[in-house]
Amino acid sequence: MTDKRRVEVFSAGCPVCEEAVRLVERLACPACAVSVLDMRAPAVAAKAADLGVRALPAVAVDGRLAQCCAGAGVDEARLRAAGVGRAL
């Protein structure tokens, strides 16, 4: 069992994606392991599809698409509700 919350940011490298990366990095706590995944890589795109990513940027927390990313974009309140910035 890991003692880190796994936070994955799916990005295409655009300015909106970079803003989402900065937000996630700002919210992340020492117990968060943040990874930025490049959607231009086929394996990353396949993983995103498996999670149900339909738009970028998107964030998955512990292998589940964050609620904020199932609709209208990355949102601080919903990221916090998903556990970003909180130890396990």
PDB file of N, CA and C in Angstrom:
ATOM      1  N   MET A   1       0.849  -1.181   0.000  1.00  0.00           N
ATOM      2  CA  MET A   1       0.000   0.000   0.000  1.00  0.00           C
ATOM      3  C   MET A   1       0.895   1.246   0.000  1.00  0.00           C
ATOM      4  N   THR A   2       0.513   2.224  -0.779  1.00  0.00           N
ATOM      5  CA  THR A   2       1.291   3.452  -0.883  1.00  0.00           C
ATOM      6  C   THR A   2       0.787   4.496   0.118  1.00  0.00           C
ATOM      7  N   ASP A   3       1.674   5.357   0.536  1.00  0.00           N
ATOM      8  CA  ASP A   3       1.273   6.418   1.456  1.00  0.00           C
ATOM      9  C   ASP A   3       1.132   7.748   0.743  1.00  0.00           C
ATOM     10  N   LYS A   4       1.106   7.710  -0.583  1.00  0.00           N
ATOM     11  CA  LYS A   4       0.952   8.925  -1.399  1.00  0.00           C
ATOM     12  C   LYS A   4      -0.356   8.863  -2.181  1.00  0.00           C
ATOM     13  N   ARG A   5      -1.024  10.000  -2.263  1.00  0.00           N
ATOM     14  CA  ARG A   5      -2.198  10.116  -3.132  1.00  0.00           C
ATOM     15  C   ARG A   5      -1.666  10.350  -4.537  1.00  0.00           C
ATOM     16  N   ARG A   6      -2.103   9.550  -5.498  1.00  0.00           N
ATOM     17  CA  ARG A   6      -1.624   9.646  -6.876  1.00  0.00           C
ATOM     18  C   ARG A   6      -2.516  10.627  -7.647  1.00  0.00           C
ATOM     19  N   VAL A   7      -1.917  11.719  -8.117  1.00  0.00           N
ATOM     20  CA  VAL A   7      -2.636  12.745  -8.862  1.00  0.00           C
ATOM     21  C   VAL A   7      -2.017  12.830 -10.254  1.00  0.00           C
ATOM     22  N   GLU A   8      -2.824  12.555 -11.277  1.00  0.00           N
ATOM     23  CA  GLU A   8      -2.346  12.571 -12.659  1.00  0.00           C
ATOM     24  C   GLU A   8      -3.065  13.672 -13.432  1.00  0.00           C
ATOM     25  N   VAL A   9      -2.280  14.532 -14.055  1.00  0.00           N
ATOM     26  CA  VAL A   9      -2.834  15.613 -14.865  1.00  0.00           C
ATOM     27  C   VAL A   9      -2.612  15.242 -16.323  1.00  0.00           C
ATOM     28  N   PHE A  10      -3.697  15.088 -17.063  1.00  0.00           N
ATOM     29  CA  PHE A  10      -3.624  14.783 -18.493  1.00  0.00           C
ATOM     30  C   PHE A  10      -3.579  16.108 -19.240  1.00  0.00           C
ATOM     31  N   SER A  11      -2.537  16.300 -20.024  1.00  0.00           N
ATOM     32  CA  SER A  11      -2.271  17.597 -20.641  1.00  0.00           C
ATOM     33  C   SER A  11      -1.857  17.440 -22.097  1.00  0.00           C
ATOM     34  N   ALA A  12      -2.175  18.465 -22.889  1.00  0.00           N
ATOM     35  CA  ALA A  12      -1.686  18.545 -24.265  1.00  0.00           C
ATOM     36  C   ALA A  12      -0.645  19.645 -24.393  1.00  0.00           C
ATOM     37  N   GLY A  13      -0.261  20.241 -23.258  1.00  0.00           N
ATOM     38  CA  GLY A  13       0.763  21.273 -23.268  1.00  0.00           C
ATOM     39  C   GLY A  13       0.263  22.664 -23.618  1.00  0.00           C
ATOM     40  N   CYS A  14      -1.034  22.844 -23.731  1.00  0.00           N
ATOM     41  CA  CYS A  14      -1.592  24.149 -24.087  1.00  0.00           C
ATOM     42  C   CYS A  14      -1.603  25.064 -22.858  1.00  0.00           C
ATOM     43  N   PRO A  15      -1.832  26.353 -23.034  1.00  0.00           N
ATOM     44  CA  PRO A  15      -1.868  27.280 -21.891  1.00  0.00           C
ATOM     45  C   PRO A  15      -2.913  26.910 -20.837  1.00  0.00           C
ATOM     46  N   VAL A  16      -4.075  26.435 -21.248  1.00  0.00           N
ATOM     47  CA  VAL A  16      -5.108  26.041 -20.289  1.00  0.00           C
ATOM     48  C   VAL A  16      -4.637  24.832 -19.488  1.00  0.00           C
ATOM     49  N   CYS A  17      -3.991  23.889 -20.166  1.00  0.00           N
ATOM     50  CA  CYS A  17      -3.452  22.715 -19.477  1.00  0.00           C
ATOM     51  C   CYS A  17      -2.370  23.121 -18.489  1.00  0.00           C
ATOM     52  N   GLU A  18      -1.507  24.028 -18.895  1.00  0.00           N
ATOM     53  CA  GLU A  18      -0.430  24.477 -18.010  1.00  0.00           C
ATOM     54  C   GLU A  18      -0.996  25.183 -16.783  1.00  0.00           C
ATOM     55  N   GLU A  19      -2.074  25.915 -16.947  1.00  0.00           N
ATOM     56  CA  GLU A  19      -2.737  26.554 -15.809  1.00  0.00           C
ATOM     57  C   GLU A  19      -3.271  25.502 -14.842  1.00  0.00           C
ATOM     58  N   ALA A  20      -3.852  24.435 -15.386  1.00  0.00           N
ATOM     59  CA  ALA A  20      -4.359  23.346 -14.546  1.00  0.00           C
ATOM     60  C   ALA A  20      -3.215  22.661 -13.800  1.00  0.00           C
ATOM     61  N   VAL A  21      -2.084  22.462 -14.464  1.00  0.00           N
ATOM     62  CA  VAL A  21      -0.919  21.863 -13.820  1.00  0.00           C
ATOM     63  C   VAL A  21      -0.471  22.737 -12.648  1.00  0.00           C
ATOM     64  N   ARG A  22      -0.399  24.031 -12.862  1.00  0.00           N
ATOM     65  CA  ARG A  22       0.006  24.940 -11.780  1.00  0.00           C
ATOM     66  C   ARG A  22      -0.970  24.881 -10.606  1.00  0.00           C
ATOM     67  N   LEU A  23      -2.275  24.812 -10.903  1.00  0.00           N
ATOM     68  CA  LEU A  23      -3.282  24.730  -9.847  1.00  0.00           C
ATOM     69  C   LEU A  23      -3.098  23.451  -9.039  1.00  0.00           C
ATOM     70  N   VAL A  24      -2.954  22.334  -9.719  1.00  0.00           N
ATOM     71  CA  VAL A  24      -2.779  21.053  -9.024  1.00  0.00           C
ATOM     72  C   VAL A  24      -1.503  21.086  -8.186  1.00  0.00           C
ATOM     73  N   GLU A  25      -0.423  21.595  -8.754  1.00  0.00           N
ATOM     74  CA  GLU A  25       0.838  21.665  -8.002  1.00  0.00           C
ATOM     75  C   GLU A  25       0.716  22.578  -6.785  1.00  0.00           C
ATOM     76  N   ARG A  26      -0.054  23.647  -6.902  1.00  0.00           N
ATOM     77  CA  ARG A  26      -0.253  24.561  -5.772  1.00  0.00           C
ATOM     78  C   ARG A  26      -1.068  23.897  -4.675  1.00  0.00           C
ATOM     79  N   LEU A  27      -2.070  23.101  -5.058  1.00  0.00           N
ATOM     80  CA  LEU A  27      -2.948  22.453  -4.086  1.00  0.00           C
ATOM     81  C   LEU A  27      -2.325  21.208  -3.466  1.00  0.00           C
ATOM     82  N   ALA A  28      -1.401  20.591  -4.164  1.00  0.00           N
ATOM     83  CA  ALA A  28      -0.843  19.317  -3.718  1.00  0.00           C
ATOM     84  C   ALA A  28      -0.125  19.461  -2.382  1.00  0.00           C
ATOM     85  N   CYS A  29      -0.252  18.433  -1.564  1.00  0.00           N
ATOM     86  CA  CYS A  29       0.430  18.391  -0.275  1.00  0.00           C
ATOM     87  C   CYS A  29       1.606  17.416  -0.378  1.00  0.00           C
ATOM     88  N   PRO A  30       2.421  17.316   0.647  1.00  0.00           N
ATOM     89  CA  PRO A  30       3.542  16.376   0.595  1.00  0.00           C
ATOM     90  C   PRO A  30       3.112  14.921   0.387  1.00  0.00           C
ATOM     91  N   ALA A  31       1.861  14.603   0.703  1.00  0.00           N
ATOM     92  CA  ALA A  31       1.367  13.243   0.510  1.00  0.00           C
ATOM     93  C   ALA A  31       0.784  13.023  -0.889  1.00  0.00           C
ATOM     94  N   CYS A  32       0.921  13.997  -1.777  1.00  0.00           N
ATOM     95  CA  CYS A  32       0.430  13.879  -3.151  1.00  0.00           C
ATOM     96  C   CYS A  32       1.603  13.648  -4.098  1.00  0.00           C
ATOM     97  N   ALA A  33       1.488  12.638  -4.924  1.00  0.00           N
ATOM     98  CA  ALA A  33       2.477  12.378  -5.962  1.00  0.00           C
ATOM     99  C   ALA A  33       1.857  12.846  -7.278  1.00  0.00           C
ATOM    100  N   VAL A  34       2.287  13.997  -7.777  1.00  0.00           N
ATOM    101  CA  VAL A  34       1.704  14.605  -8.975  1.00  0.00           C
ATOM    102  C   VAL A  34       2.511  14.199 -10.202  1.00  0.00           C
ATOM    103  N   SER A  35       1.788  13.720 -11.229  1.00  0.00           N
ATOM    104  CA  SER A  35       2.398  13.397 -12.517  1.00  0.00           C
ATOM    105  C   SER A  35       1.659  14.159 -13.602  1.00  0.00           C
ATOM    106  N   VAL A  36       2.415  14.715 -14.528  1.00  0.00           N
ATOM    107  CA  VAL A  36       1.827  15.377 -15.690  1.00  0.00           C
ATOM    108  C   VAL A  36       2.032  14.435 -16.872  1.00  0.00           C
ATOM    109  N   LEU A  37       0.921  14.031 -17.486  1.00  0.00           N
ATOM    110  CA  LEU A  37       0.960  13.045 -18.555  1.00  0.00           C
ATOM    111  C   LEU A  37       0.637  13.702 -19.893  1.00  0.00           C
ATOM    112  N   ASP A  38       1.490  13.459 -20.869  1.00  0.00           N
ATOM    113  CA  ASP A  38       1.359  14.066 -22.201  1.00  0.00           C
ATOM    114  C   ASP A  38       0.416  13.233 -23.063  1.00  0.00           C
ATOM    115  N   MET A  39      -0.723  13.808 -23.386  1.00  0.00           N
ATOM    116  CA  MET A  39      -1.737  13.114 -24.177  1.00  0.00           C
ATOM    117  C   MET A  39      -1.287  12.780 -25.595  1.00  0.00           C
ATOM    118  N   ARG A  40      -0.183  13.349 -26.030  1.00  0.00           N
ATOM    119  CA  ARG A  40       0.304  13.025 -27.368  1.00  0.00           C
ATOM    120  C   ARG A  40       0.965  11.652 -27.410  1.00  0.00           C
ATOM    121  N   ALA A  41       1.228  11.067 -26.253  1.00  0.00           N
ATOM    122  CA  ALA A  41       1.790   9.712 -26.177  1.00  0.00           C
ATOM    123  C   ALA A  41       0.642   8.707 -26.262  1.00  0.00           C
ATOM    124  N   PRO A  42       0.715   7.740 -27.172  1.00  0.00           N
ATOM    125  CA  PRO A  42      -0.383   6.784 -27.349  1.00  0.00           C
ATOM    126  C   PRO A  42      -0.787   6.048 -26.067  1.00  0.00           C
ATOM    127  N   ALA A  43       0.165   5.657 -25.236  1.00  0.00           N
ATOM    128  CA  ALA A  43      -0.171   4.942 -23.994  1.00  0.00           C
ATOM    129  C   ALA A  43      -0.943   5.836 -23.039  1.00  0.00           C
ATOM    130  N   VAL A  44      -0.575   7.108 -22.984  1.00  0.00           N
ATOM    131  CA  VAL A  44      -1.279   8.065 -22.124  1.00  0.00           C
ATOM    132  C   VAL A  44      -2.690   8.291 -22.657  1.00  0.00           C
ATOM    133  N   ALA A  45      -2.835   8.437 -23.956  1.00  0.00           N
ATOM    134  CA  ALA A  45      -4.157   8.632 -24.557  1.00  0.00           C
ATOM    135  C   ALA A  45      -5.057   7.431 -24.277  1.00  0.00           C
ATOM    136  N   ALA A  46      -4.494   6.224 -24.330  1.00  0.00           N
ATOM    137  CA  ALA A  46      -5.271   5.021 -24.046  1.00  0.00           C
ATOM    138  C   ALA A  46      -5.707   4.991 -22.580  1.00  0.00           C
ATOM    139  N   LYS A  47      -4.804   5.350 -21.679  1.00  0.00           N
ATOM    140  CA  LYS A  47      -5.139   5.399 -20.257  1.00  0.00           C
ATOM    141  C   LYS A  47      -6.243   6.419 -20.005  1.00  0.00           C
ATOM    142  N   ALA A  48      -6.128   7.587 -20.636  1.00  0.00           N
ATOM    143  CA  ALA A  48      -7.142   8.632 -20.493  1.00  0.00           C
ATOM    144  C   ALA A  48      -8.501   8.141 -20.985  1.00  0.00           C
ATOM    145  N   ALA A  49      -8.503   7.452 -22.113  1.00  0.00           N
ATOM    146  CA  ALA A  49      -9.763   6.921 -22.649  1.00  0.00           C
ATOM    147  C   ALA A  49     -10.382   5.921 -21.676  1.00  0.00           C
ATOM    148  N   ASP A  50      -9.548   5.077 -21.069  1.00  0.00           N
ATOM    149  CA  ASP A  50     -10.050   4.111 -20.091  1.00  0.00           C
ATOM    150  C   ASP A  50     -10.680   4.794 -18.880  1.00  0.00           C
ATOM    151  N   LEU A  51     -10.163   5.963 -18.517  1.00  0.00           N
ATOM    152  CA  LEU A  51     -10.700   6.713 -17.378  1.00  0.00           C
ATOM    153  C   LEU A  51     -11.932   7.529 -17.745  1.00  0.00           C
ATOM    154  N   GLY A  52     -12.195   7.677 -19.035  1.00  0.00           N
ATOM    155  CA  GLY A  52     -13.350   8.458 -19.472  1.00  0.00           C
ATOM    156  C   GLY A  52     -13.051   9.914 -19.748  1.00  0.00           C
ATOM    157  N   VAL A  53     -11.774  10.253 -19.934  1.00  0.00           N
ATOM    158  CA  VAL A  53     -11.403  11.637 -20.252  1.00  0.00           C
ATOM    159  C   VAL A  53     -12.006  12.002 -21.607  1.00  0.00           C
ATOM    160  N   ARG A  54     -12.731  13.120 -21.645  1.00  0.00           N
ATOM    161  CA  ARG A  54     -13.371  13.575 -22.879  1.00  0.00           C
ATOM    162  C   ARG A  54     -12.875  14.950 -23.307  1.00  0.00           C
ATOM    163  N   ALA A  55     -12.194  15.657 -22.391  1.00  0.00           N
ATOM    164  CA  ALA A  55     -11.679  16.999 -22.685  1.00  0.00           C
ATOM    165  C   ALA A  55     -10.433  17.223 -21.844  1.00  0.00           C
ATOM    166  N   LEU A  56      -9.595  18.117 -22.319  1.00  0.00           N
ATOM    167  CA  LEU A  56      -8.359  18.444 -21.605  1.00  0.00           C
ATOM    168  C   LEU A  56      -8.408  19.883 -21.129  1.00  0.00           C
ATOM    169  N   PRO A  57      -7.747  20.185 -20.056  1.00  0.00           N
ATOM    170  CA  PRO A  57      -7.010  19.285 -19.183  1.00  0.00           C
ATOM    171  C   PRO A  57      -7.962  18.436 -18.348  1.00  0.00           C
ATOM    172  N   ALA A  58      -7.442  17.344 -17.820  1.00  0.00           N
ATOM    173  CA  ALA A  58      -8.218  16.469 -16.949  1.00  0.00           C
ATOM    174  C   ALA A  58      -7.305  15.987 -15.829  1.00  0.00           C
ATOM    175  N   VAL A  59      -7.911  15.680 -14.690  1.00  0.00           N
ATOM    176  CA  VAL A  59      -7.148  15.229 -13.529  1.00  0.00           C
ATOM    177  C   VAL A  59      -7.777  13.944 -13.002  1.00  0.00           C
ATOM    178  N   ALA A  60      -6.920  12.960 -12.738  1.00  0.00           N
ATOM    179  CA  ALA A  60      -7.350  11.732 -12.082  1.00  0.00           C
ATOM    180  C   ALA A  60      -6.677  11.679 -10.717  1.00  0.00           C
ATOM    181  N   VAL A  61      -7.448  11.264  -9.721  1.00  0.00           N
ATOM    182  CA  VAL A  61      -6.937  11.131  -8.363  1.00  0.00           C
ATOM    183  C   VAL A  61      -7.115   9.682  -7.945  1.00  0.00           C
ATOM    184  N   ASP A  62      -5.997   9.049  -7.631  1.00  0.00           N
ATOM    185  CA  ASP A  62      -5.996   7.640  -7.239  1.00  0.00           C
ATOM    186  C   ASP A  62      -6.739   6.766  -8.250  1.00  0.00           C
ATOM    187  N   GLY A  63      -6.490   7.034  -9.531  1.00  0.00           N
ATOM    188  CA  GLY A  63      -7.033   6.199 -10.598  1.00  0.00           C
ATOM    189  C   GLY A  63      -8.469   6.471 -10.988  1.00  0.00           C
ATOM    190  N   ARG A  64      -9.056   7.551 -10.468  1.00  0.00           N
ATOM    191  CA  ARG A  64     -10.432   7.899 -10.819  1.00  0.00           C
ATOM    192  C   ARG A  64     -10.472   9.320 -11.340  1.00  0.00           C
ATOM    193  N   LEU A  65     -11.195   9.538 -12.421  1.00  0.00           N
ATOM    194  CA  LEU A  65     -11.335  10.870 -12.995  1.00  0.00           C
ATOM    195  C   LEU A  65     -12.016  11.775 -11.973  1.00  0.00           C
ATOM    196  N   ALA A  66     -11.382  12.909 -11.655  1.00  0.00           N
ATOM    197  CA  ALA A  66     -11.950  13.845 -10.691  1.00  0.00           C
ATOM    198  C   ALA A  66     -13.268  14.397 -11.220  1.00  0.00           C
ATOM    199  N   GLN A  67     -14.211  14.607 -10.340  1.00  0.00           N
ATOM    200  CA  GLN A  67     -15.540  15.083 -10.717  1.00  0.00           C
ATOM    201  C   GLN A  67     -15.477  16.362 -11.545  1.00  0.00           C
ATOM    202  N   CYS A  68     -14.520  17.231 -11.229  1.00  0.00           N
ATOM    203  CA  CYS A  68     -14.402  18.488 -11.971  1.00  0.00           C
ATOM    204  C   CYS A  68     -14.114  18.250 -13.441  1.00  0.00           C
ATOM    205  N   CYS A  69     -13.541  17.118 -13.743  1.00  0.00           N
ATOM    206  CA  CYS A  69     -13.101  16.856 -15.115  1.00  0.00           C
ATOM    207  C   CYS A  69     -14.111  16.052 -15.912  1.00  0.00           C
ATOM    208  N   ALA A  70     -15.214  15.709 -15.299  1.00  0.00           N
ATOM    209  CA  ALA A  70     -16.259  14.997 -16.013  1.00  0.00           C
ATOM    210  C   ALA A  70     -17.180  15.973 -16.733  1.00  0.00           C
ATOM    211  N   GLY A  71     -16.963  17.279 -16.518  1.00  0.00           N
ATOM    212  CA  GLY A  71     -17.842  18.267 -17.115  1.00  0.00           C
ATOM    213  C   GLY A  71     -17.103  19.462 -17.651  1.00  0.00           C
ATOM    214  N   ALA A  72     -17.093  20.541 -16.883  1.00  0.00           N
ATOM    215  CA  ALA A  72     -16.690  21.840 -17.404  1.00  0.00           C
ATOM    216  C   ALA A  72     -15.277  22.282 -17.065  1.00  0.00           C
ATOM    217  N   GLY A  73     -14.392  21.406 -16.711  1.00  0.00           N
ATOM    218  CA  GLY A  73     -13.011  21.808 -16.514  1.00  0.00           C
ATOM    219  C   GLY A  73     -12.519  21.673 -15.088  1.00  0.00           C
ATOM    220  N   VAL A  74     -11.262  21.973 -14.914  1.00  0.00           N
ATOM    221  CA  VAL A  74     -10.596  21.817 -13.631  1.00  0.00           C
ATOM    222  C   VAL A  74     -11.034  22.934 -12.696  1.00  0.00           C
ATOM    223  N   ASP A  75     -11.446  22.557 -11.488  1.00  0.00           N
ATOM    224  CA  ASP A  75     -11.998  23.485 -10.514  1.00  0.00           C
ATOM    225  C   ASP A  75     -11.400  23.172  -9.144  1.00  0.00           C
ATOM    226  N   GLU A  76     -10.917  24.208  -8.446  1.00  0.00           N
ATOM    227  CA  GLU A  76     -10.234  24.008  -7.169  1.00  0.00           C
ATOM    228  C   GLU A  76     -11.099  23.282  -6.143  1.00  0.00           C
ATOM    229  N   ALA A  77     -12.326  23.682  -5.968  1.00  0.00           N
ATOM    230  CA  ALA A  77     -13.184  23.071  -4.946  1.00  0.00           C
ATOM    231  C   ALA A  77     -13.378  21.585  -5.208  1.00  0.00           C
ATOM    232  N   ARG A  78     -13.590  21.214  -6.454  1.00  0.00           N
ATOM    233  CA  ARG A  78     -13.797  19.796  -6.768  1.00  0.00           C
ATOM    234  C   ARG A  78     -12.500  19.000  -6.676  1.00  0.00           C
ATOM    235  N   LEU A  79     -11.367  19.639  -6.988  1.00  0.00           N
ATOM    236  CA  LEU A  79     -10.081  18.947  -6.795  1.00  0.00           C
ATOM    237  C   LEU A  79      -9.878  18.664  -5.309  1.00  0.00           C
ATOM    238  N   ARG A  80     -10.165  19.651  -4.477  1.00  0.00           N
ATOM    239  CA  ARG A  80     -10.017  19.436  -3.036  1.00  0.00           C
ATOM    240  C   ARG A  80     -10.975  18.339  -2.556  1.00  0.00           C
ATOM    241  N   ALA A  81     -12.203  18.321  -3.070  1.00  0.00           N
ATOM    242  CA  ALA A  81     -13.164  17.287  -2.701  1.00  0.00           C
ATOM    243  C   ALA A  81     -12.681  15.900  -3.128  1.00  0.00           C
ATOM    244  N   ALA A  82     -11.913  15.826  -4.206  1.00  0.00           N
ATOM    245  CA  ALA A  82     -11.376  14.549  -4.680  1.00  0.00           C
ATOM    246  C   ALA A  82     -10.174  14.097  -3.859  1.00  0.00           C
ATOM    247  N   GLY A  83      -9.658  15.000  -3.015  1.00  0.00           N
ATOM    248  CA  GLY A  83      -8.559  14.634  -2.144  1.00  0.00           C
ATOM    249  C   GLY A  83      -7.234  15.282  -2.432  1.00  0.00           C
ATOM    250  N   VAL A  84      -7.142  16.107  -3.471  1.00  0.00           N
ATOM    251  CA  VAL A  84      -5.880  16.779  -3.771  1.00  0.00           C
ATOM    252  C   VAL A  84      -5.561  17.734  -2.621  1.00  0.00           C
ATOM    253  N   GLY A  85      -4.345  17.618  -2.090  1.00  0.00           N
ATOM    254  CA  GLY A  85      -3.921  18.468  -0.996  1.00  0.00           C
ATOM    255  C   GLY A  85      -4.191  17.880   0.374  1.00  0.00           C
ATOM    256  N   ARG A  86      -4.652  16.621   0.404  1.00  0.00           N
ATOM    257  CA  ARG A  86      -4.981  15.967   1.660  1.00  0.00           C
ATOM    258  C   ARG A  86      -4.280  14.617   1.714  1.00  0.00           C
ATOM    259  N   ALA A  87      -3.689  14.319   2.847  1.00  0.00           N
ATOM    260  CA  ALA A  87      -3.024  13.021   3.017  1.00  0.00           C
ATOM    261  C   ALA A  87      -4.055  11.902   2.977  1.00  0.00           C
ATOM    262  N   LEU A  88      -3.595  10.713   2.674  1.00  0.00           N
ATOM    263  CA  LEU A  88      -4.486   9.551   2.646  1.00  0.00           C
ATOM    264  C   LEU A  88      -4.989   9.207   4.021  1.00  0.00           C
TER     265      LEU A  88
END
